[in-house]
Amino acid sequence: VAINATTDISRQVEGIATFGAQLQSLSAAVKVLEVAACRAVMRKPGVSQETIQECEAIIKRK
């Protein structure tokens, strides 16, 4: 019984580690998309100066 419990815990830890790695990958992808979206918005004519400044701040943070 103890061996089964240890194996169960080990699998759960592996699952958590895998999930953590997936979250990091997803977070990186979101940052790339956010920067790309900001750059696209900044190129559009008629965009307010406030929006441009917000986008510049987002790009600097990434």
PDB file of N, CA and C in Angstrom:
ATOM      1  N   VAL A   1       0.836  -1.205   0.000  1.00  0.00           N
ATOM      2  CA  VAL A   1       0.000   0.000   0.000  1.00  0.00           C
ATOM      3  C   VAL A   1       0.869   1.252   0.000  1.00  0.00           C
ATOM      4  N   ALA A   2       1.942   1.246   0.777  1.00  0.00           N
ATOM      5  CA  ALA A   2       2.828   2.414   0.850  1.00  0.00           C
ATOM      6  C   ALA A   2       3.487   2.683  -0.499  1.00  0.00           C
ATOM      7  N   ILE A   3       3.850   1.625  -1.205  1.00  0.00           N
ATOM      8  CA  ILE A   3       4.487   1.785  -2.520  1.00  0.00           C
ATOM      9  C   ILE A   3       3.503   2.415  -3.505  1.00  0.00           C
ATOM     10  N   ASN A   4       2.260   1.958  -3.466  1.00  0.00           N
ATOM     11  CA  ASN A   4       1.243   2.528  -4.353  1.00  0.00           C
ATOM     12  C   ASN A   4       1.017   4.002  -4.054  1.00  0.00           C
ATOM     13  N   ALA A   5       0.995   4.358  -2.787  1.00  0.00           N
ATOM     14  CA  ALA A   5       0.799   5.757  -2.401  1.00  0.00           C
ATOM     15  C   ALA A   5       1.972   6.606  -2.876  1.00  0.00           C
ATOM     16  N   THR A   6       3.180   6.086  -2.731  1.00  0.00           N
ATOM     17  CA  THR A   6       4.378   6.812  -3.177  1.00  0.00           C
ATOM     18  C   THR A   6       4.354   7.000  -4.686  1.00  0.00           C
ATOM     19  N   THR A   7       3.968   5.954  -5.404  1.00  0.00           N
ATOM     20  CA  THR A   7       3.873   6.040  -6.864  1.00  0.00           C
ATOM     21  C   THR A   7       2.819   7.062  -7.262  1.00  0.00           C
ATOM     22  N   ASP A   8       1.699   7.052  -6.570  1.00  0.00           N
ATOM     23  CA  ASP A   8       0.627   8.021  -6.830  1.00  0.00           C
ATOM     24  C   ASP A   8       1.113   9.449  -6.629  1.00  0.00           C
ATOM     25  N   ILE A   9       1.792   9.675  -5.523  1.00  0.00           N
ATOM     26  CA  ILE A   9       2.317  11.013  -5.215  1.00  0.00           C
ATOM     27  C   ILE A   9       3.344  11.420  -6.264  1.00  0.00           C
ATOM     28  N   SER A  10       4.195  10.493  -6.645  1.00  0.00           N
ATOM     29  CA  SER A  10       5.213  10.765  -7.660  1.00  0.00           C
ATOM     30  C   SER A  10       4.563  11.171  -8.983  1.00  0.00           C
ATOM     31  N   ARG A  11       3.524  10.476  -9.377  1.00  0.00           N
ATOM     32  CA  ARG A  11       2.810  10.814 -10.617  1.00  0.00           C
ATOM     33  C   ARG A  11       2.158  12.192 -10.516  1.00  0.00           C
ATOM     34  N   GLN A  12       1.596  12.491  -9.352  1.00  0.00           N
ATOM     35  CA  GLN A  12       0.962  13.800  -9.168  1.00  0.00           C
ATOM     36  C   GLN A  12       1.990  14.919  -9.263  1.00  0.00           C
ATOM     37  N   VAL A  13       3.152  14.705  -8.666  1.00  0.00           N
ATOM     38  CA  VAL A  13       4.220  15.706  -8.723  1.00  0.00           C
ATOM     39  C   VAL A  13       4.675  15.906 -10.167  1.00  0.00           C
ATOM     40  N   GLU A  14       4.831  14.818 -10.903  1.00  0.00           N
ATOM     41  CA  GLU A  14       5.205  14.917 -12.323  1.00  0.00           C
ATOM     42  C   GLU A  14       4.142  15.688 -13.102  1.00  0.00           C
ATOM     43  N   GLY A  15       2.890  15.411 -12.805  1.00  0.00           N
ATOM     44  CA  GLY A  15       1.791  16.108 -13.474  1.00  0.00           C
ATOM     45  C   GLY A  15       1.803  17.593 -13.178  1.00  0.00           C
ATOM     46  N   ILE A  16       2.068  17.948 -11.936  1.00  0.00           N
ATOM     47  CA  ILE A  16       2.138  19.360 -11.545  1.00  0.00           C
ATOM     48  C   ILE A  16       3.307  20.047 -12.242  1.00  0.00           C
ATOM     49  N   ALA A  17       4.444  19.378 -12.314  1.00  0.00           N
ATOM     50  CA  ALA A  17       5.621  19.949 -12.982  1.00  0.00           C
ATOM     51  C   ALA A  17       5.343  20.161 -14.470  1.00  0.00           C
ATOM     52  N   THR A  18       4.696  19.192 -15.092  1.00  0.00           N
ATOM     53  CA  THR A  18       4.343  19.316 -16.511  1.00  0.00           C
ATOM     54  C   THR A  18       3.383  20.478 -16.715  1.00  0.00           C
ATOM     55  N   PHE A  19       2.391  20.589 -15.847  1.00  0.00           N
ATOM     56  CA  PHE A  19       1.421  21.681 -15.931  1.00  0.00           C
ATOM     57  C   PHE A  19       2.121  23.024 -15.762  1.00  0.00           C
ATOM     58  N   GLY A  20       3.068  23.105 -14.842  1.00  0.00           N
ATOM     59  CA  GLY A  20       3.828  24.342 -14.633  1.00  0.00           C
ATOM     60  C   GLY A  20       4.608  24.736 -15.879  1.00  0.00           C
ATOM     61  N   ALA A  21       5.230  23.761 -16.521  1.00  0.00           N
ATOM     62  CA  ALA A  21       5.981  24.036 -17.753  1.00  0.00           C
ATOM     63  C   ALA A  21       5.042  24.501 -18.861  1.00  0.00           C
ATOM     64  N   GLN A  22       3.866  23.895 -18.945  1.00  0.00           N
ATOM     65  CA  GLN A  22       2.887  24.308 -19.955  1.00  0.00           C
ATOM     66  C   GLN A  22       2.417  25.738 -19.697  1.00  0.00           C
ATOM     67  N   LEU A  23       2.218  26.087 -18.438  1.00  0.00           N
ATOM     68  CA  LEU A  23       1.810  27.456 -18.101  1.00  0.00           C
ATOM     69  C   LEU A  23       2.876  28.460 -18.499  1.00  0.00           C
ATOM     70  N   GLN A  24       4.139  28.120 -18.275  1.00  0.00           N
ATOM     71  CA  GLN A  24       5.230  29.019 -18.663  1.00  0.00           C
ATOM     72  C   GLN A  24       5.258  29.214 -20.172  1.00  0.00           C
ATOM     73  N   SER A  25       5.071  28.144 -20.925  1.00  0.00           N
ATOM     74  CA  SER A  25       5.039  28.238 -22.387  1.00  0.00           C
ATOM     75  C   SER A  25       3.867  29.090 -22.845  1.00  0.00           C
ATOM     76  N   LEU A  26       2.722  28.881 -22.226  1.00  0.00           N
ATOM     77  CA  LEU A  26       1.530  29.651 -22.577  1.00  0.00           C
ATOM     78  C   LEU A  26       1.725  31.123 -22.250  1.00  0.00           C
ATOM     79  N   SER A  27       2.324  31.400 -21.107  1.00  0.00           N
ATOM     80  CA  SER A  27       2.596  32.782 -20.704  1.00  0.00           C
ATOM     81  C   SER A  27       3.520  33.472 -21.701  1.00  0.00           C
ATOM     82  N   ALA A  28       4.543  32.770 -22.145  1.00  0.00           N
ATOM     83  CA  ALA A  28       5.469  33.334 -23.133  1.00  0.00           C
ATOM     84  C   ALA A  28       4.747  33.605 -24.449  1.00  0.00           C
ATOM     85  N   ALA A  29       3.878  32.692 -24.856  1.00  0.00           N
ATOM     86  CA  ALA A  29       3.124  32.873 -26.102  1.00  0.00           C
ATOM     87  C   ALA A  29       2.189  34.074 -26.005  1.00  0.00           C
ATOM     88  N   VAL A  30       1.556  34.246 -24.858  1.00  0.00           N
ATOM     89  CA  VAL A  30       0.655  35.389 -24.658  1.00  0.00           C
ATOM     90  C   VAL A  30       1.435  36.693 -24.753  1.00  0.00           C
ATOM     91  N   LYS A  31       2.624  36.734 -24.181  1.00  0.00           N
ATOM     92  CA  LYS A  31       3.450  37.947 -24.251  1.00  0.00           C
ATOM     93  C   LYS A  31       3.803  38.289 -25.694  1.00  0.00           C
ATOM     94  N   VAL A  32       4.158  37.286 -26.474  1.00  0.00           N
ATOM     95  CA  VAL A  32       4.495  37.506 -27.885  1.00  0.00           C
ATOM     96  C   VAL A  32       3.284  38.050 -28.638  1.00  0.00           C
ATOM     97  N   LEU A  33       2.128  37.458 -28.383  1.00  0.00           N
ATOM     98  CA  LEU A  33       0.905  37.920 -29.055  1.00  0.00           C
ATOM     99  C   LEU A  33       0.534  39.335 -28.634  1.00  0.00           C
ATOM    100  N   GLU A  34       0.712  39.646 -27.365  1.00  0.00           N
ATOM    101  CA  GLU A  34       0.392  40.978 -26.860  1.00  0.00           C
ATOM    102  C   GLU A  34       1.269  42.037 -27.530  1.00  0.00           C
ATOM    103  N   VAL A  35       2.548  41.758 -27.651  1.00  0.00           N
ATOM    104  CA  VAL A  35       3.466  42.694 -28.310  1.00  0.00           C
ATOM    105  C   VAL A  35       3.095  42.839 -29.787  1.00  0.00           C
ATOM    106  N   ALA A  36       2.802  41.727 -30.444  1.00  0.00           N
ATOM    107  CA  ALA A  36       2.429  41.774 -31.862  1.00  0.00           C
ATOM    108  C   ALA A  36       1.148  42.586 -32.057  1.00  0.00           C
ATOM    109  N   ALA A  37       0.183  42.396 -31.176  1.00  0.00           N
ATOM    110  CA  ALA A  37      -1.073  43.146 -31.268  1.00  0.00           C
ATOM    111  C   ALA A  37      -0.825  44.632 -31.063  1.00  0.00           C
ATOM    112  N   CYS A  38       0.008  44.971 -30.104  1.00  0.00           N
ATOM    113  CA  CYS A  38       0.329  46.381 -29.849  1.00  0.00           C
ATOM    114  C   CYS A  38       1.004  47.013 -31.062  1.00  0.00           C
ATOM    115  N   ARG A  39       1.928  46.307 -31.646  1.00  0.00           N
ATOM    116  CA  ARG A  39       2.624  46.852 -32.827  1.00  0.00           C
ATOM    117  C   ARG A  39       1.644  47.071 -33.977  1.00  0.00           C
ATOM    118  N   ALA A  40       0.715  46.147 -34.146  1.00  0.00           N
ATOM    119  CA  ALA A  40      -0.283  46.276 -35.211  1.00  0.00           C
ATOM    120  C   ALA A  40      -1.191  47.479 -34.950  1.00  0.00           C
ATOM    121  N   VAL A  41      -1.605  47.662 -33.708  1.00  0.00           N
ATOM    122  CA  VAL A  41      -2.468  48.796 -33.349  1.00  0.00           C
ATOM    123  C   VAL A  41      -1.731  50.107 -33.565  1.00  0.00           C
ATOM    124  N   MET A  42      -0.466  50.143 -33.188  1.00  0.00           N
ATOM    125  CA  MET A  42       0.309  51.389 -33.301  1.00  0.00           C
ATOM    126  C   MET A  42       0.500  51.813 -34.758  1.00  0.00           C
ATOM    127  N   ARG A  43       0.439  50.868 -35.689  1.00  0.00           N
ATOM    128  CA  ARG A  43       0.627  51.195 -37.113  1.00  0.00           C
ATOM    129  C   ARG A  43      -0.640  51.750 -37.760  1.00  0.00           C
ATOM    130  N   LYS A  44      -1.775  51.555 -37.111  1.00  0.00           N
ATOM    131  CA  LYS A  44      -3.036  52.006 -37.708  1.00  0.00           C
ATOM    132  C   LYS A  44      -3.134  53.525 -37.656  1.00  0.00           C
ATOM    133  N   PRO A  45      -3.667  54.112 -38.705  1.00  0.00           N
ATOM    134  CA  PRO A  45      -3.846  55.568 -38.691  1.00  0.00           C
ATOM    135  C   PRO A  45      -4.962  55.963 -37.722  1.00  0.00           C
ATOM    136  N   GLY A  46      -4.792  57.119 -37.110  1.00  0.00           N
ATOM    137  CA  GLY A  46      -5.827  57.649 -36.226  1.00  0.00           C
ATOM    138  C   GLY A  46      -5.832  57.093 -34.815  1.00  0.00           C
ATOM    139  N   VAL A  47      -4.812  56.336 -34.445  1.00  0.00           N
ATOM    140  CA  VAL A  47      -4.738  55.790 -33.084  1.00  0.00           C
ATOM    141  C   VAL A  47      -4.355  56.922 -32.138  1.00  0.00           C
ATOM    142  N   SER A  48      -5.031  56.978 -30.995  1.00  0.00           N
ATOM    143  CA  SER A  48      -4.777  58.073 -30.052  1.00  0.00           C
ATOM    144  C   SER A  48      -3.376  57.968 -29.457  1.00  0.00           C
ATOM    145  N   GLN A  49      -2.864  59.102 -29.040  1.00  0.00           N
ATOM    146  CA  GLN A  49      -1.543  59.146 -28.412  1.00  0.00           C
ATOM    147  C   GLN A  49      -1.539  58.320 -27.124  1.00  0.00           C
ATOM    148  N   GLU A  50      -2.657  58.337 -26.419  1.00  0.00           N
ATOM    149  CA  GLU A  50      -2.773  57.567 -25.171  1.00  0.00           C
ATOM    150  C   GLU A  50      -2.620  56.063 -25.443  1.00  0.00           C
ATOM    151  N   THR A  51      -3.268  55.585 -26.489  1.00  0.00           N
ATOM    152  CA  THR A  51      -3.164  54.167 -26.854  1.00  0.00           C
ATOM    153  C   THR A  51      -1.739  53.818 -27.255  1.00  0.00           C
ATOM    154  N   ILE A  52      -1.114  54.693 -28.014  1.00  0.00           N
ATOM    155  CA  ILE A  52       0.277  54.465 -28.424  1.00  0.00           C
ATOM    156  C   ILE A  52       1.180  54.376 -27.200  1.00  0.00           C
ATOM    157  N   GLN A  53       0.975  55.261 -26.233  1.00  0.00           N
ATOM    158  CA  GLN A  53       1.794  55.243 -25.012  1.00  0.00           C
ATOM    159  C   GLN A  53       1.559  53.964 -24.214  1.00  0.00           C
ATOM    160  N   GLU A  54       0.300  53.529 -24.131  1.00  0.00           N
ATOM    161  CA  GLU A  54       0.001  52.280 -23.424  1.00  0.00           C
ATOM    162  C   GLU A  54       0.693  51.099 -24.109  1.00  0.00           C
ATOM    163  N   CYS A  55       0.647  51.088 -25.436  1.00  0.00           N
ATOM    164  CA  CYS A  55       1.291  50.005 -26.185  1.00  0.00           C
ATOM    165  C   CYS A  55       2.807  50.036 -26.008  1.00  0.00           C
ATOM    166  N   GLU A  56       3.382  51.219 -26.031  1.00  0.00           N
ATOM    167  CA  GLU A  56       4.828  51.333 -25.820  1.00  0.00           C
ATOM    168  C   GLU A  56       5.213  50.803 -24.445  1.00  0.00           C
ATOM    169  N   ALA A  57       4.392  51.093 -23.439  1.00  0.00           N
ATOM    170  CA  ALA A  57       4.660  50.608 -22.080  1.00  0.00           C
ATOM    171  C   ALA A  57       4.576  49.083 -22.024  1.00  0.00           C
ATOM    172  N   ILE A  58       3.589  48.510 -22.698  1.00  0.00           N
ATOM    173  CA  ILE A  58       3.443  47.047 -22.726  1.00  0.00           C
ATOM    174  C   ILE A  58       4.655  46.410 -23.392  1.00  0.00           C
ATOM    175  N   ILE A  59       5.088  46.983 -24.510  1.00  0.00           N
ATOM    176  CA  ILE A  59       6.235  46.435 -25.238  1.00  0.00           C
ATOM    177  C   ILE A  59       7.504  46.513 -24.388  1.00  0.00           C
ATOM    178  N   LYS A  60       7.687  47.602 -23.667  1.00  0.00           N
ATOM    179  CA  LYS A  60       8.873  47.742 -22.801  1.00  0.00           C
ATOM    180  C   LYS A  60       8.871  46.700 -21.687  1.00  0.00           C
ATOM    181  N   ARG A  61       7.699  46.386 -21.142  1.00  0.00           N
ATOM    182  CA  ARG A  61       7.598  45.412 -20.042  1.00  0.00           C
ATOM    183  C   ARG A  61       7.902  43.998 -20.509  1.00  0.00           C
ATOM    184  N   LYS A  62       7.709  43.728 -21.775  1.00  0.00           N
ATOM    185  CA  LYS A  62       7.889  42.357 -22.277  1.00  0.00           C
ATOM    186  C   LYS A  62       9.320  42.165 -22.573  1.00  0.00           C
TER     187      LYS A  62
END
